[in-house]
Amino acid sequence: MQPVELASRRQITEKLLNMSLKKVSHSRLTVTEMEEFLKKPPAGFCVERLDSGSGYVIHSDPQNILVFIDDFDDCKRRIIFNNSQGRTFKMRNLGEYTKMRNRLLSSKIYLMVSACEGNVSSKEKAATEPRVLKQFMVCVNGGDSFVQWHMAKGLDWAISSVAGESYRLKIDLTDAMESWAAKNNNLLATGGLKKHKIVWRDVFFTLKYSSDALFDFPKMFGCSKRTFKVIICHLFLIK
């Protein structure tokens, strides 16, 4: 993502530093409605309104926070995530992979997910995209020992399964969100979501490793299909 220059770097840095000094939640998984997030951003974030009033720029602390979100437009506004890696992060060598691995296992990881209407007919599904009912900002605490273990196991399993090949690793939070929804029926009811069968969308991010090995023949011939998935679940166990 290209940085957006609206306020001065010094002003933004000061805001992020002040917000980082706030009390920080150590929950494994934190889910916040998008509107609430924009009004009261958590520690490490600064929300800036566009001059035209047509949207927001969300700045984040790049040292402690990893954001895997693409910029998006809805019918009312544009939301730009400064310092975001995008939903797909590309790594070109082992050094970049190692750096990202270390950040994943020590940072707070943010995604924006959508609760979509799932109780529609098969014909309606084929004709249109699922209707978005509400959007949430989801934070996974990569510094939590259980999350670290779970994610490191998946990362190590994937890279040990390839011999210098290019591959994709999809980190999927669908199970975690379904568990959260089951434990937060009251919040869903308040938000008018309980009457719908919810389907979660965009509940993942992807790491794409492009090997620089000379013997990555699948990549050379355009037939590399090495894709792995790490399913993040059981984030609500209390230590």
C-alpha atoms as a PDB file:
ATOM      1  CA  MET A   1       0.000   0.000   0.000  1.00  0.00           C
ATOM      2  CA  GLN A   2       1.310   3.485  -0.854  1.00  0.00           C
ATOM      3  CA  PRO A   3       1.463   5.850   2.172  1.00  0.00           C
ATOM      4  CA  VAL A   4      -1.086   8.660   2.191  1.00  0.00           C
ATOM      5  CA  GLU A   5       0.281  12.047   3.218  1.00  0.00           C
ATOM      6  CA  LEU A   6      -2.437  14.108   4.910  1.00  0.00           C
ATOM      7  CA  ALA A   7      -1.133  15.098   8.315  1.00  0.00           C
ATOM      8  CA  SER A   8       2.565  15.526   9.031  1.00  0.00           C
ATOM      9  CA  ARG A   9       4.557  12.413   9.942  1.00  0.00           C
ATOM     10  CA  ARG A  10       5.471  13.986  13.287  1.00  0.00           C
ATOM     11  CA  GLN A  11       1.827  14.604  14.221  1.00  0.00           C
ATOM     12  CA  ILE A  12       0.819  11.062  13.302  1.00  0.00           C
ATOM     13  CA  THR A  13       3.792   9.551  15.165  1.00  0.00           C
ATOM     14  CA  GLU A  14       2.893  11.539  18.298  1.00  0.00           C
ATOM     15  CA  LYS A  15      -0.734  10.396  18.102  1.00  0.00           C
ATOM     16  CA  LEU A  16       0.262   6.751  17.665  1.00  0.00           C
ATOM     17  CA  LEU A  17       2.722   6.988  20.562  1.00  0.00           C
ATOM     18  CA  ASN A  18       0.088   8.484  22.851  1.00  0.00           C
ATOM     19  CA  MET A  19      -2.452   5.841  21.850  1.00  0.00           C
ATOM     20  CA  SER A  20       0.092   3.059  22.388  1.00  0.00           C
ATOM     21  CA  LEU A  21       0.391   4.207  26.015  1.00  0.00           C
ATOM     22  CA  LYS A  22      -3.280   3.438  26.617  1.00  0.00           C
ATOM     23  CA  LYS A  23      -4.314   0.242  28.337  1.00  0.00           C
ATOM     24  CA  VAL A  24      -3.877  -2.528  25.765  1.00  0.00           C
ATOM     25  CA  SER A  25      -6.098  -5.605  25.646  1.00  0.00           C
ATOM     26  CA  HIS A  26      -4.255  -8.920  25.773  1.00  0.00           C
ATOM     27  CA  SER A  27      -7.152 -11.005  24.479  1.00  0.00           C
ATOM     28  CA  ARG A  28      -6.326 -13.569  21.841  1.00  0.00           C
ATOM     29  CA  LEU A  29      -9.127 -12.354  19.596  1.00  0.00           C
ATOM     30  CA  THR A  30     -10.820  -8.949  19.686  1.00  0.00           C
ATOM     31  CA  VAL A  31     -13.760  -8.095  17.412  1.00  0.00           C
ATOM     32  CA  THR A  32     -14.937  -4.490  16.997  1.00  0.00           C
ATOM     33  CA  GLU A  33     -17.701  -3.092  14.797  1.00  0.00           C
ATOM     34  CA  MET A  34     -16.222  -0.917  12.067  1.00  0.00           C
ATOM     35  CA  GLU A  35     -18.181   2.177  13.112  1.00  0.00           C
ATOM     36  CA  GLU A  36     -17.008   1.816  16.699  1.00  0.00           C
ATOM     37  CA  PHE A  37     -13.429   1.337  15.491  1.00  0.00           C
ATOM     38  CA  LEU A  38     -13.582   4.595  13.505  1.00  0.00           C
ATOM     39  CA  LYS A  39     -15.014   6.519  16.473  1.00  0.00           C
ATOM     40  CA  LYS A  40     -12.717   5.053  19.130  1.00  0.00           C
ATOM     41  CA  PRO A  41      -9.614   3.529  17.512  1.00  0.00           C
ATOM     42  CA  PRO A  42      -7.632   1.162  19.755  1.00  0.00           C
ATOM     43  CA  ALA A  43      -4.060   1.664  20.918  1.00  0.00           C
ATOM     44  CA  GLY A  44      -1.653   2.000  18.012  1.00  0.00           C
ATOM     45  CA  PHE A  45      -4.193   3.465  15.565  1.00  0.00           C
ATOM     46  CA  CYS A  46      -5.027   6.987  14.447  1.00  0.00           C
ATOM     47  CA  VAL A  47      -8.099   7.702  12.290  1.00  0.00           C
ATOM     48  CA  GLU A  48      -7.968  10.771  10.064  1.00  0.00           C
ATOM     49  CA  ARG A  49     -10.943  12.080   8.122  1.00  0.00           C
ATOM     50  CA  LEU A  50     -10.383  12.950   4.457  1.00  0.00           C
ATOM     51  CA  ASP A  51     -10.598  16.670   3.666  1.00  0.00           C
ATOM     52  CA  SER A  52     -13.541  16.069   1.352  1.00  0.00           C
ATOM     53  CA  GLY A  53     -15.414  14.288   4.138  1.00  0.00           C
ATOM     54  CA  SER A  54     -15.839  11.314   1.839  1.00  0.00           C
ATOM     55  CA  GLY A  55     -13.871   8.811   3.884  1.00  0.00           C
ATOM     56  CA  TYR A  56     -11.039   8.066   6.295  1.00  0.00           C
ATOM     57  CA  VAL A  57      -7.342   7.291   6.384  1.00  0.00           C
ATOM     58  CA  ILE A  58      -6.399   4.827   9.121  1.00  0.00           C
ATOM     59  CA  HIS A  59      -2.793   5.043  10.309  1.00  0.00           C
ATOM     60  CA  SER A  60      -1.249   2.264  12.399  1.00  0.00           C
ATOM     61  CA  ASP A  61       1.940   1.720  14.378  1.00  0.00           C
ATOM     62  CA  PRO A  62       4.139  -0.309  11.979  1.00  0.00           C
ATOM     63  CA  GLN A  63       6.375  -1.554  14.802  1.00  0.00           C
ATOM     64  CA  ASN A  64       3.701  -3.407  16.772  1.00  0.00           C
ATOM     65  CA  ILE A  65       0.753  -3.842  14.416  1.00  0.00           C
ATOM     66  CA  LEU A  66       0.312  -5.817  11.195  1.00  0.00           C
ATOM     67  CA  VAL A  67      -2.652  -4.861   9.019  1.00  0.00           C
ATOM     68  CA  PHE A  68      -3.754  -7.190   6.209  1.00  0.00           C
ATOM     69  CA  ILE A  69      -6.557  -5.137   4.648  1.00  0.00           C
ATOM     70  CA  ASP A  70      -7.117  -3.762   1.153  1.00  0.00           C
ATOM     71  CA  ASP A  71      -8.435  -0.222   0.706  1.00  0.00           C
ATOM     72  CA  PHE A  72     -12.136  -0.258  -0.098  1.00  0.00           C
ATOM     73  CA  ASP A  73     -15.101   1.854  -1.125  1.00  0.00           C
ATOM     74  CA  ASP A  74     -18.679   1.381  -0.042  1.00  0.00           C
ATOM     75  CA  CYS A  75     -21.720   3.399  -1.107  1.00  0.00           C
ATOM     76  CA  LYS A  76     -20.888   6.242   1.288  1.00  0.00           C
ATOM     77  CA  ARG A  77     -17.129   6.547   1.700  1.00  0.00           C
ATOM     78  CA  ARG A  78     -13.597   5.418   0.969  1.00  0.00           C
ATOM     79  CA  ILE A  79     -11.434   3.904   3.702  1.00  0.00           C
ATOM     80  CA  ILE A  80      -7.662   3.821   3.217  1.00  0.00           C
ATOM     81  CA  PHE A  81      -5.404   1.746   5.468  1.00  0.00           C
ATOM     82  CA  ASN A  82      -1.982   3.349   5.653  1.00  0.00           C
ATOM     83  CA  ASN A  83       0.855   0.902   6.440  1.00  0.00           C
ATOM     84  CA  SER A  84      -1.311  -2.061   5.418  1.00  0.00           C
ATOM     85  CA  GLN A  85       0.339  -5.091   3.840  1.00  0.00           C
ATOM     86  CA  GLY A  86      -2.758  -5.740   1.729  1.00  0.00           C
ATOM     87  CA  ARG A  87      -4.697  -8.981   2.007  1.00  0.00           C
ATOM     88  CA  THR A  88      -1.946 -10.820   0.106  1.00  0.00           C
ATOM     89  CA  PHE A  89       1.654 -10.240   1.187  1.00  0.00           C
ATOM     90  CA  LYS A  90       4.424 -11.258  -1.220  1.00  0.00           C
ATOM     91  CA  MET A  91       7.816 -12.534  -0.074  1.00  0.00           C
ATOM     92  CA  ARG A  92      10.663 -12.943  -2.559  1.00  0.00           C
ATOM     93  CA  ASN A  93      13.336 -14.678  -0.504  1.00  0.00           C
ATOM     94  CA  LEU A  94      14.039 -16.455   2.765  1.00  0.00           C
ATOM     95  CA  GLY A  95      15.109 -13.221   4.466  1.00  0.00           C
ATOM     96  CA  GLU A  96      11.737 -11.564   3.787  1.00  0.00           C
ATOM     97  CA  TYR A  97       9.942 -14.732   4.918  1.00  0.00           C
ATOM     98  CA  THR A  98      11.907 -14.812   8.190  1.00  0.00           C
ATOM     99  CA  LYS A  99      11.202 -11.134   8.868  1.00  0.00           C
ATOM    100  CA  MET A 100       7.461 -11.595   8.284  1.00  0.00           C
ATOM    101  CA  ARG A 101       7.412 -14.776  10.391  1.00  0.00           C
ATOM    102  CA  ASN A 102       8.971 -12.909  13.326  1.00  0.00           C
ATOM    103  CA  ARG A 103       6.470 -10.063  12.984  1.00  0.00           C
ATOM    104  CA  LEU A 104       3.492 -12.438  12.820  1.00  0.00           C
ATOM    105  CA  LEU A 105       4.588 -14.115  16.048  1.00  0.00           C
ATOM    106  CA  SER A 106       4.992 -10.863  17.974  1.00  0.00           C
ATOM    107  CA  SER A 107       2.492  -8.323  16.581  1.00  0.00           C
ATOM    108  CA  LYS A 108      -1.207  -7.649  16.793  1.00  0.00           C
ATOM    109  CA  ILE A 109      -2.694  -8.756  13.465  1.00  0.00           C
ATOM    110  CA  TYR A 110      -5.706  -6.902  12.056  1.00  0.00           C
ATOM    111  CA  LEU A 111      -8.217  -7.936   9.400  1.00  0.00           C
ATOM    112  CA  MET A 112     -11.490  -6.396   8.292  1.00  0.00           C
ATOM    113  CA  VAL A 113     -14.171  -9.060   7.902  1.00  0.00           C
ATOM    114  CA  SER A 114     -17.749  -8.905   6.660  1.00  0.00           C
ATOM    115  CA  ALA A 115     -20.826 -10.579   8.109  1.00  0.00           C
ATOM    116  CA  CYS A 116     -22.921 -11.457   5.057  1.00  0.00           C
ATOM    117  CA  GLU A 117     -26.455 -12.722   4.600  1.00  0.00           C
ATOM    118  CA  GLY A 118     -26.307 -16.473   4.143  1.00  0.00           C
ATOM    119  CA  ASN A 119     -29.987 -17.465   4.102  1.00  0.00           C
ATOM    120  CA  VAL A 120     -30.602 -16.850   0.392  1.00  0.00           C
ATOM    121  CA  SER A 121     -31.565 -19.240  -2.387  1.00  0.00           C
ATOM    122  CA  SER A 122     -28.976 -20.867  -4.650  1.00  0.00           C
ATOM    123  CA  LYS A 123     -30.289 -18.831  -7.627  1.00  0.00           C
ATOM    124  CA  GLU A 124     -29.801 -15.574  -5.719  1.00  0.00           C
ATOM    125  CA  LYS A 125     -26.288 -16.644  -4.710  1.00  0.00           C
ATOM    126  CA  ALA A 126     -25.375 -17.275  -8.317  1.00  0.00           C
ATOM    127  CA  ALA A 127     -26.779 -13.937  -9.473  1.00  0.00           C
ATOM    128  CA  THR A 128     -25.299 -11.588  -6.860  1.00  0.00           C
ATOM    129  CA  GLU A 129     -22.624 -11.280  -4.231  1.00  0.00           C
ATOM    130  CA  PRO A 130     -23.798 -11.980  -0.645  1.00  0.00           C
ATOM    131  CA  ARG A 131     -25.288  -8.878   0.959  1.00  0.00           C
ATOM    132  CA  VAL A 132     -22.949  -7.362   3.547  1.00  0.00           C
ATOM    133  CA  LEU A 133     -24.824  -6.833   6.818  1.00  0.00           C
ATOM    134  CA  LYS A 134     -22.016  -5.474   8.975  1.00  0.00           C
ATOM    135  CA  GLN A 135     -18.249  -5.096   8.925  1.00  0.00           C
ATOM    136  CA  PHE A 136     -15.870  -5.783  11.797  1.00  0.00           C
ATOM    137  CA  MET A 137     -12.233  -5.146  12.607  1.00  0.00           C
ATOM    138  CA  VAL A 138     -10.682  -8.338  13.958  1.00  0.00           C
ATOM    139  CA  CYS A 139      -7.465  -8.405  15.964  1.00  0.00           C
ATOM    140  CA  VAL A 140      -5.462 -11.573  16.627  1.00  0.00           C
ATOM    141  CA  ASN A 141      -2.778 -11.224  19.278  1.00  0.00           C
ATOM    142  CA  GLY A 142       0.262 -12.817  17.639  1.00  0.00           C
ATOM    143  CA  GLY A 143       2.228 -12.322  20.863  1.00  0.00           C
ATOM    144  CA  ASP A 144      -0.040 -14.690  22.815  1.00  0.00           C
ATOM    145  CA  SER A 145       1.823 -17.950  23.519  1.00  0.00           C
ATOM    146  CA  PHE A 146      -1.030 -20.153  22.273  1.00  0.00           C
ATOM    147  CA  VAL A 147      -1.456 -18.157  19.058  1.00  0.00           C
ATOM    148  CA  GLN A 148       2.323 -18.167  18.552  1.00  0.00           C
ATOM    149  CA  TRP A 149       2.464 -21.943  18.867  1.00  0.00           C
ATOM    150  CA  HIS A 150      -0.483 -22.509  16.547  1.00  0.00           C
ATOM    151  CA  MET A 151       0.745 -20.131  13.849  1.00  0.00           C
ATOM    152  CA  ALA A 152       4.410 -21.167  14.055  1.00  0.00           C
ATOM    153  CA  LYS A 153       3.388 -24.791  13.648  1.00  0.00           C
ATOM    154  CA  GLY A 154       1.497 -23.958  10.436  1.00  0.00           C
ATOM    155  CA  LEU A 155       4.260 -21.735   9.043  1.00  0.00           C
ATOM    156  CA  ASP A 156       6.955 -24.334   9.715  1.00  0.00           C
ATOM    157  CA  TRP A 157       4.836 -27.159   8.318  1.00  0.00           C
ATOM    158  CA  ALA A 158       4.251 -25.276   5.076  1.00  0.00           C
ATOM    159  CA  ILE A 159       7.856 -24.289   4.399  1.00  0.00           C
ATOM    160  CA  SER A 160       9.157 -27.754   5.319  1.00  0.00           C
ATOM    161  CA  SER A 161       6.733 -29.316   2.818  1.00  0.00           C
ATOM    162  CA  VAL A 162       8.283 -27.576  -0.183  1.00  0.00           C
ATOM    163  CA  ALA A 163      11.770 -27.949  -1.601  1.00  0.00           C
ATOM    164  CA  GLY A 164      12.635 -24.498  -2.905  1.00  0.00           C
ATOM    165  CA  GLU A 165       9.232 -24.125  -4.577  1.00  0.00           C
ATOM    166  CA  SER A 166       6.984 -21.085  -4.622  1.00  0.00           C
ATOM    167  CA  TYR A 167       3.826 -21.466  -2.548  1.00  0.00           C
ATOM    168  CA  ARG A 168       0.872 -19.698  -0.931  1.00  0.00           C
ATOM    169  CA  LEU A 169      -0.084 -19.919   2.730  1.00  0.00           C
ATOM    170  CA  LYS A 170      -3.618 -18.911   3.675  1.00  0.00           C
ATOM    171  CA  ILE A 171      -4.213 -17.965   7.328  1.00  0.00           C
ATOM    172  CA  ASP A 172      -7.924 -18.606   7.887  1.00  0.00           C
ATOM    173  CA  LEU A 173      -9.946 -17.255  10.835  1.00  0.00           C
ATOM    174  CA  THR A 174     -13.380 -18.576   9.835  1.00  0.00           C
ATOM    175  CA  ASP A 175     -13.549 -21.078  12.710  1.00  0.00           C
ATOM    176  CA  ALA A 176     -12.458 -18.421  15.192  1.00  0.00           C
ATOM    177  CA  MET A 177     -15.159 -16.005  13.984  1.00  0.00           C
ATOM    178  CA  GLU A 178     -17.851 -18.675  14.146  1.00  0.00           C
ATOM    179  CA  SER A 179     -16.781 -19.456  17.719  1.00  0.00           C
ATOM    180  CA  TRP A 180     -16.886 -15.747  18.555  1.00  0.00           C
ATOM    181  CA  ALA A 181     -20.379 -15.417  17.053  1.00  0.00           C
ATOM    182  CA  ALA A 182     -21.621 -18.392  19.095  1.00  0.00           C
ATOM    183  CA  LYS A 183     -20.344 -16.766  22.300  1.00  0.00           C
ATOM    184  CA  ASN A 184     -21.699 -13.294  21.453  1.00  0.00           C
ATOM    185  CA  ASN A 185     -25.321 -13.907  20.483  1.00  0.00           C
ATOM    186  CA  ASN A 186     -26.377 -10.857  22.495  1.00  0.00           C
ATOM    187  CA  LEU A 187     -24.183  -8.544  20.417  1.00  0.00           C
ATOM    188  CA  LEU A 188     -25.434 -10.048  17.174  1.00  0.00           C
ATOM    189  CA  ALA A 189     -29.027  -9.602  18.347  1.00  0.00           C
ATOM    190  CA  THR A 190     -28.385  -5.948  19.211  1.00  0.00           C
ATOM    191  CA  GLY A 191     -26.899  -5.384  15.787  1.00  0.00           C
ATOM    192  CA  GLY A 192     -29.860  -7.010  14.052  1.00  0.00           C
ATOM    193  CA  LEU A 193     -27.787  -9.935  12.789  1.00  0.00           C
ATOM    194  CA  LYS A 194     -29.311 -12.739  14.832  1.00  0.00           C
ATOM    195  CA  LYS A 195     -32.282 -13.145  12.475  1.00  0.00           C
ATOM    196  CA  HIS A 196     -29.912 -13.922   9.603  1.00  0.00           C
ATOM    197  CA  LYS A 197     -27.817 -16.954   8.864  1.00  0.00           C
ATOM    198  CA  ILE A 198     -24.382 -15.354   8.892  1.00  0.00           C
ATOM    199  CA  VAL A 199     -21.667 -16.191   6.384  1.00  0.00           C
ATOM    200  CA  TRP A 200     -18.266 -14.678   7.154  1.00  0.00           C
ATOM    201  CA  ARG A 201     -16.297 -13.223   4.243  1.00  0.00           C
ATOM    202  CA  ASP A 202     -12.689 -12.002   3.934  1.00  0.00           C
ATOM    203  CA  VAL A 203     -11.758 -13.861   7.120  1.00  0.00           C
ATOM    204  CA  PHE A 204      -8.211 -14.620   5.970  1.00  0.00           C
ATOM    205  CA  PHE A 205      -4.959 -13.242   4.667  1.00  0.00           C
ATOM    206  CA  THR A 206      -2.431 -14.860   2.355  1.00  0.00           C
ATOM    207  CA  LEU A 207       1.343 -15.069   2.376  1.00  0.00           C
ATOM    208  CA  LYS A 208       2.734 -15.632  -1.113  1.00  0.00           C
ATOM    209  CA  TYR A 209       6.296 -16.923  -1.240  1.00  0.00           C
ATOM    210  CA  SER A 210       8.011 -16.619  -4.628  1.00  0.00           C
ATOM    211  CA  SER A 211      11.139 -18.727  -4.469  1.00  0.00           C
ATOM    212  CA  ASP A 212      14.352 -17.387  -5.958  1.00  0.00           C
ATOM    213  CA  ALA A 213      15.705 -20.927  -6.329  1.00  0.00           C
ATOM    214  CA  LEU A 214      16.971 -21.835  -9.787  1.00  0.00           C
ATOM    215  CA  PHE A 215      15.296 -25.240  -9.587  1.00  0.00           C
ATOM    216  CA  ASP A 216      11.738 -24.020  -8.942  1.00  0.00           C
ATOM    217  CA  PHE A 217      10.512 -25.764 -12.092  1.00  0.00           C
ATOM    218  CA  PRO A 218       6.751 -25.530 -11.311  1.00  0.00           C
ATOM    219  CA  LYS A 219       7.079 -21.732 -11.162  1.00  0.00           C
ATOM    220  CA  MET A 220       9.201 -21.634 -14.333  1.00  0.00           C
ATOM    221  CA  PHE A 221       6.560 -23.535 -16.284  1.00  0.00           C
ATOM    222  CA  GLY A 222       3.636 -21.637 -14.753  1.00  0.00           C
ATOM    223  CA  CYS A 223       2.110 -24.653 -13.026  1.00  0.00           C
ATOM    224  CA  SER A 224       2.924 -24.020  -9.372  1.00  0.00           C
ATOM    225  CA  LYS A 225      -0.149 -24.863  -7.301  1.00  0.00           C
ATOM    226  CA  ARG A 226       1.370 -25.344  -3.873  1.00  0.00           C
ATOM    227  CA  THR A 227      -1.232 -23.869  -1.530  1.00  0.00           C
ATOM    228  CA  PHE A 228      -1.454 -24.495   2.208  1.00  0.00           C
ATOM    229  CA  LYS A 229      -4.001 -23.396   4.785  1.00  0.00           C
ATOM    230  CA  VAL A 230      -3.567 -22.675   8.482  1.00  0.00           C
ATOM    231  CA  ILE A 231      -6.895 -22.649  10.326  1.00  0.00           C
ATOM    232  CA  ILE A 232      -6.809 -20.480  13.448  1.00  0.00           C
ATOM    233  CA  CYS A 233      -9.356 -21.626  16.010  1.00  0.00           C
ATOM    234  CA  HIS A 234      -9.866 -22.218  19.760  1.00  0.00           C
ATOM    235  CA  LEU A 235      -8.843 -18.647  20.588  1.00  0.00           C
ATOM    236  CA  PHE A 236     -11.224 -18.357  23.524  1.00  0.00           C
ATOM    237  CA  LEU A 237      -9.516 -20.734  25.948  1.00  0.00           C
ATOM    238  CA  ILE A 238      -8.642 -18.907  29.166  1.00  0.00           C
ATOM    239  CA  LYS A 239      -5.103 -19.385  30.425  1.00  0.00           C
END
